[in-house]
C-alpha atoms as a PDB file:
ATOM      1  CA  VAL A   1      45.672 -22.414 -34.143  1.00  0.00           C
ATOM      2  CA  SER A   2      48.149 -22.884 -36.921  1.00  0.00           C
ATOM      3  CA  ILE A   3      51.468 -20.884 -38.430  1.00  0.00           C
ATOM      4  CA  ASP A   4      49.473 -18.628 -39.562  1.00  0.00           C
ATOM      5  CA  GLY A   5      47.374 -17.613 -37.464  1.00  0.00           C
ATOM      6  CA  THR A   6      44.547 -19.797 -38.416  1.00  0.00           C
ATOM      7  CA  ILE A   7      41.995 -21.553 -35.763  1.00  0.00           C
ATOM      8  CA  ILE A   8      41.983 -25.326 -36.931  1.00  0.00           C
ATOM      9  CA  PHE A   9      40.489 -25.729 -33.711  1.00  0.00           C
ATOM     10  CA  LEU A  10      38.267 -24.718 -30.957  1.00  0.00           C
ATOM     11  CA  SER A  11      36.276 -25.727 -27.408  1.00  0.00           C
ATOM     12  CA  GLU A  12      33.732 -26.105 -26.297  1.00  0.00           C
ATOM     13  CA  GLN A  13      34.272 -23.042 -23.769  1.00  0.00           C
ATOM     14  CA  ILE A  14      35.693 -21.360 -25.644  1.00  0.00           C
ATOM     15  CA  CYS A  15      32.365 -21.308 -27.960  1.00  0.00           C
ATOM     16  CA  LYS A  16      30.476 -20.943 -25.197  1.00  0.00           C
ATOM     17  CA  LEU A  17      32.347 -17.602 -24.108  1.00  0.00           C
ATOM     18  CA  SER A  18      32.333 -16.490 -27.310  1.00  0.00           C
ATOM     19  CA  GLY A  19      28.824 -17.178 -29.139  1.00  0.00           C
ATOM     20  CA  TYR A  20      30.455 -18.518 -32.040  1.00  0.00           C
ATOM     21  CA  THR A  21      29.847 -22.058 -33.397  1.00  0.00           C
ATOM     22  CA  GLU A  22      33.664 -24.214 -34.067  1.00  0.00           C
ATOM     23  CA  GLN A  23      32.621 -24.578 -37.682  1.00  0.00           C
ATOM     24  CA  GLU A  24      32.292 -20.727 -38.161  1.00  0.00           C
ATOM     25  CA  VAL A  25      35.868 -19.311 -36.871  1.00  0.00           C
ATOM     26  CA  VAL A  26      37.832 -23.168 -38.588  1.00  0.00           C
ATOM     27  CA  GLY A  27      39.676 -21.474 -41.028  1.00  0.00           C
ATOM     28  CA  LYS A  28      39.629 -17.997 -40.051  1.00  0.00           C
ATOM     29  CA  PRO A  29      42.092 -16.370 -38.677  1.00  0.00           C
ATOM     30  CA  VAL A  30      42.708 -15.921 -34.547  1.00  0.00           C
ATOM     31  CA  THR A  31      41.858 -12.002 -34.945  1.00  0.00           C
ATOM     32  CA  LEU A  32      38.447 -13.066 -35.539  1.00  0.00           C
ATOM     33  CA  PHE A  33      38.985 -12.644 -31.247  1.00  0.00           C
ATOM     34  CA  LYS A  34      41.028  -9.231 -30.892  1.00  0.00           C
ATOM     35  CA  SER A  35      38.937  -6.028 -29.133  1.00  0.00           C
ATOM     36  CA  ASP A  36      40.556  -3.326 -29.313  1.00  0.00           C
ATOM     37  CA  TYR A  37      42.235  -3.577 -25.169  1.00  0.00           C
ATOM     38  CA  HIS A  38      44.965  -4.692 -26.272  1.00  0.00           C
ATOM     39  CA  THR A  39      48.224  -2.474 -28.249  1.00  0.00           C
ATOM     40  CA  PRO A  40      50.409  -3.337 -30.703  1.00  0.00           C
ATOM     41  CA  ASP A  41      52.956  -3.326 -28.627  1.00  0.00           C
ATOM     42  CA  PHE A  42      51.514  -5.929 -27.096  1.00  0.00           C
ATOM     43  CA  TYR A  43      50.553  -8.555 -29.878  1.00  0.00           C
ATOM     44  CA  GLU A  44      54.235  -7.419 -31.383  1.00  0.00           C
ATOM     45  CA  TRP A  45      56.086  -8.046 -27.682  1.00  0.00           C
ATOM     46  CA  MET A  46      53.733 -11.831 -27.601  1.00  0.00           C
ATOM     47  CA  LEU A  47      53.978 -12.774 -30.578  1.00  0.00           C
ATOM     48  CA  GLY A  48      58.234 -11.641 -30.484  1.00  0.00           C
ATOM     49  CA  LYS A  49      57.942 -14.120 -27.537  1.00  0.00           C
ATOM     50  CA  ILE A  50      55.909 -17.346 -28.951  1.00  0.00           C
ATOM     51  CA  THR A  51      57.646 -17.238 -32.687  1.00  0.00           C
ATOM     52  CA  LYS A  52      60.895 -17.960 -31.559  1.00  0.00           C
ATOM     53  CA  GLY A  53      59.581 -21.061 -28.914  1.00  0.00           C
ATOM     54  CA  ASN A  54      58.548 -19.671 -25.411  1.00  0.00           C
ATOM     55  CA  LEU A  55      56.178 -20.263 -23.601  1.00  0.00           C
ATOM     56  CA  TRP A  56      53.883 -17.230 -22.904  1.00  0.00           C
ATOM     57  CA  GLN A  57      50.789 -17.188 -20.229  1.00  0.00           C
ATOM     58  CA  GLY A  58      48.834 -14.120 -19.292  1.00  0.00           C
ATOM     59  CA  ASP A  59      45.496 -12.748 -19.415  1.00  0.00           C
ATOM     60  CA  ILE A  60      43.856 -11.519 -22.661  1.00  0.00           C
ATOM     61  CA  ASN A  61      40.963  -9.604 -23.803  1.00  0.00           C
ATOM     62  CA  CYS A  62      38.186 -11.561 -26.495  1.00  0.00           C
ATOM     63  CA  ILE A  63      35.426 -10.167 -28.871  1.00  0.00           C
ATOM     64  CA  GLY A  64      32.389 -12.237 -28.653  1.00  0.00           C
ATOM     65  CA  LYS A  65      29.736 -12.313 -32.016  1.00  0.00           C
ATOM     66  CA  ASN A  66      27.517 -10.616 -30.531  1.00  0.00           C
ATOM     67  CA  GLY A  67      30.799  -8.243 -29.697  1.00  0.00           C
ATOM     68  CA  VAL A  68      30.427  -8.790 -26.122  1.00  0.00           C
ATOM     69  CA  LEU A  69      34.474  -8.668 -24.144  1.00  0.00           C
ATOM     70  CA  PHE A  70      34.884 -11.938 -21.801  1.00  0.00           C
ATOM     71  CA  TRP A  71      38.858 -12.088 -20.315  1.00  0.00           C
ATOM     72  CA  LEU A  72      40.096 -15.216 -20.696  1.00  0.00           C
ATOM     73  CA  GLU A  73      44.069 -16.459 -18.437  1.00  0.00           C
ATOM     74  CA  ILE A  74      45.146 -18.409 -21.467  1.00  0.00           C
ATOM     75  CA  GLN A  75      48.747 -19.967 -22.234  1.00  0.00           C
ATOM     76  CA  VAL A  76      50.319 -20.036 -25.695  1.00  0.00           C
ATOM     77  CA  LYS A  77      52.786 -23.258 -26.352  1.00  0.00           C
ATOM     78  CA  PRO A  78      54.235 -22.973 -29.090  1.00  0.00           C
ATOM     79  CA  PHE A  79      55.330 -26.756 -30.876  1.00  0.00           C
ATOM     80  CA  VAL A  80      58.857 -27.779 -31.763  1.00  0.00           C
ATOM     81  CA  LYS A  81      59.667 -28.931 -34.836  1.00  0.00           C
ATOM     82  CA  ASN A  82      63.616 -29.505 -35.652  1.00  0.00           C
ATOM     83  CA  ALA A  83      62.359 -27.064 -38.446  1.00  0.00           C
ATOM     84  CA  GLY A  84      61.361 -24.474 -35.855  1.00  0.00           C
ATOM     85  CA  VAL A  85      57.490 -23.899 -34.813  1.00  0.00           C
ATOM     86  CA  GLN A  86      54.955 -25.512 -36.279  1.00  0.00           C
ATOM     87  CA  GLU A  87      51.643 -24.166 -34.810  1.00  0.00           C
ATOM     88  CA  TYR A  88      50.326 -23.357 -31.043  1.00  0.00           C
ATOM     89  CA  ILE A  89      48.321 -24.656 -28.917  1.00  0.00           C
ATOM     90  CA  VAL A  90      46.249 -22.079 -26.741  1.00  0.00           C
ATOM     91  CA  LEU A  91      45.045 -23.682 -23.841  1.00  0.00           C
ATOM     92  CA  THR A  92      42.689 -21.812 -21.035  1.00  0.00           C
END
């Protein structure tokens, strides 16, 4: 995921869970998968951690192409260089 939240790669596992192909989501905002399960405070808290270069891990509720909700256990690892966070690596 790029620094601005754009999807740059999607694994085959996430494609199967979400119903999207990689071609359908690359270039789209990561909020494409955002369900209404989590509160805005949750996302603010999570973003606060990763934008400071800290690892975040936990379970997150997502929504697929067909509207079906699914859970992912993820780790969001900021890729940090001298100038700060460059992009985020999301592992499932």
